[in-house]
Amino acid sequence: QVQLVESGGGLVQVGGSLRLSCEASGIVSIIVAMGWYRQAPGNERELVATITSGDVANYADSVKGRFTISRTNAKNTVYLQMNSLKTEDTAVYYCNAVFRIGGIRYDGWGQGTQVTVSS
């Protein structure tokens, strides 16, 4: 019902910036929140930032003040602006969309985009 396509990952030096984008297609009107998660080798997937359909944002403590999540007015694209990147930000970043059908919550995931921060 919802498909997600990410872009914008890559290689950057410590202190640099990257912007990730995630475009949702399908029945976007049923999306209640979108966000970004990341997974580094050997680690579990962790929340980075989320934003609700009412534009309420939430961030992991580790990225507060450095990352900003935003959405387009059409609410079908979510961005993650990442500044002051650190080596520990290196991970595969996954776009997530939460949507409801018949009152049941579903999670959709993108394919992931690699972010590598070099020192």
Protein backbone atom coordinates (compact mmCIF):
# COMPACT_ATOMS: atom_id res chain seq x y z
CA GLN A 1 0.00 0.00 0.00
CA VAL A 2 2.96 2.31 0.61
CA GLN A 3 6.33 2.15 -1.12
CA LEU A 4 9.41 4.05 0.03
CA VAL A 5 12.46 5.03 -2.01
CA GLU A 6 15.49 6.56 -0.31
CA SER A 7 18.33 8.60 -1.73
CA GLY A 8 21.17 10.81 -0.58
CA GLY A 9 23.57 8.53 1.25
CA GLY A 10 27.29 8.53 0.64
CA LEU A 11 30.74 9.11 2.02
CA VAL A 12 31.53 12.27 3.98
CA GLN A 13 34.28 13.41 6.32
CA VAL A 14 33.83 14.08 10.01
CA GLY A 15 32.07 17.39 10.51
CA GLY A 16 30.45 17.27 7.10
CA SER A 17 26.80 17.20 6.09
CA LEU A 18 24.46 14.99 4.11
CA ARG A 19 20.77 15.13 3.33
CA LEU A 20 18.72 11.97 2.97
CA SER A 21 15.41 11.92 1.12
CA CYS A 22 12.62 9.38 1.17
CA GLU A 23 9.69 9.56 -1.21
CA ALA A 24 6.54 7.63 -0.44
CA SER A 25 4.17 6.44 -3.13
CA GLY A 26 0.95 4.53 -3.09
CA ILE A 27 -1.83 5.45 -0.70
CA VAL A 28 0.12 8.20 1.10
CA SER A 29 -3.03 9.53 2.76
CA ILE A 30 -2.96 6.62 5.21
CA ILE A 31 0.53 7.49 6.51
CA VAL A 32 0.45 8.75 10.10
CA ALA A 33 4.18 9.18 10.65
CA MET A 34 7.48 8.83 8.83
CA GLY A 35 10.99 8.57 10.11
CA TRP A 36 14.53 7.35 9.84
CA TYR A 37 16.21 4.45 11.55
CA ARG A 38 19.78 3.25 11.23
CA GLN A 39 21.72 0.06 11.69
CA ALA A 40 25.46 -0.19 12.09
CA PRO A 41 27.32 -3.52 11.69
CA GLY A 42 26.81 -5.68 14.74
CA ASN A 43 24.16 -3.38 16.16
CA GLU A 44 20.39 -3.44 16.28
CA ARG A 45 18.35 -1.05 14.20
CA GLU A 46 17.76 2.16 16.15
CA LEU A 47 15.51 5.16 15.84
CA VAL A 48 17.10 8.33 14.52
CA ALA A 49 14.16 10.68 14.05
CA THR A 50 10.44 10.61 13.36
CA ILE A 51 7.85 13.13 12.32
CA THR A 52 4.10 12.77 12.59
CA SER A 53 1.44 13.84 10.13
CA GLY A 54 0.98 16.83 12.44
CA ASP A 55 4.68 17.70 12.00
CA VAL A 56 5.71 16.77 15.53
CA ALA A 57 9.35 15.68 15.42
CA ASN A 58 11.19 13.33 17.75
CA TYR A 59 14.94 12.67 17.83
CA ALA A 60 17.33 10.22 19.37
CA ASP A 61 19.49 11.90 21.99
CA SER A 62 22.60 11.09 19.99
CA VAL A 63 21.50 13.27 17.05
CA LYS A 64 19.67 16.13 18.76
CA GLY A 65 21.01 19.47 17.66
CA ARG A 66 22.77 17.94 14.64
CA PHE A 67 20.01 16.29 12.58
CA THR A 68 16.73 17.80 11.39
CA ILE A 69 13.78 15.85 10.03
CA SER A 70 11.21 17.55 7.80
CA ARG A 71 8.42 16.74 5.36
CA THR A 72 7.06 18.33 2.21
CA ASN A 73 3.65 20.01 2.32
CA ALA A 74 2.29 17.10 0.31
CA LYS A 75 3.67 14.92 3.12
CA ASN A 76 4.88 12.27 0.75
CA THR A 77 8.60 13.04 1.09
CA VAL A 78 10.62 13.14 4.27
CA TYR A 79 14.12 14.54 4.61
CA LEU A 80 16.88 14.07 7.12
CA GLN A 81 19.42 16.87 7.19
CA MET A 82 22.53 15.60 8.94
CA ASN A 83 25.13 18.12 10.07
CA SER A 84 28.30 17.82 12.14
CA LEU A 85 28.54 14.17 11.24
CA LYS A 86 30.59 11.85 13.42
CA THR A 87 32.17 8.48 12.68
CA GLU A 88 29.57 6.88 14.94
CA ASP A 89 26.85 8.05 12.55
CA THR A 90 28.13 5.51 10.02
CA ALA A 91 25.31 3.06 9.30
CA VAL A 92 22.69 1.98 6.83
CA TYR A 93 19.81 4.43 7.14
CA TYR A 94 16.29 3.16 6.58
CA CYS A 95 13.19 5.19 5.87
CA ASN A 96 10.09 4.13 7.77
CA ALA A 97 6.42 4.93 7.30
CA VAL A 98 3.70 4.07 9.77
CA PHE A 99 0.26 3.70 8.26
CA ARG A 100 -3.10 2.40 9.33
CA ILE A 101 -5.62 0.28 7.47
CA GLY A 102 -8.85 -0.56 9.22
CA GLY A 103 -7.37 0.66 12.49
CA ILE A 104 -4.41 -1.74 12.28
CA ARG A 105 -0.91 -0.31 12.32
CA TYR A 106 1.57 -1.31 9.65
CA ASP A 107 5.21 -0.35 9.13
CA GLY A 108 6.76 0.11 5.72
CA TRP A 109 10.51 0.23 5.11
CA GLY A 110 12.77 1.49 2.39
CA GLN A 111 15.68 -0.48 1.03
CA GLY A 112 18.27 1.45 3.03
CA THR A 113 21.01 3.86 2.07
CA GLN A 114 24.59 3.71 3.30
CA VAL A 115 26.08 6.66 5.17
CA THR A 116 29.81 6.47 5.87
CA VAL A 117 31.60 9.12 7.89
CA SER A 118 35.39 9.00 7.65
CA SER A 119 37.89 10.55 10.04
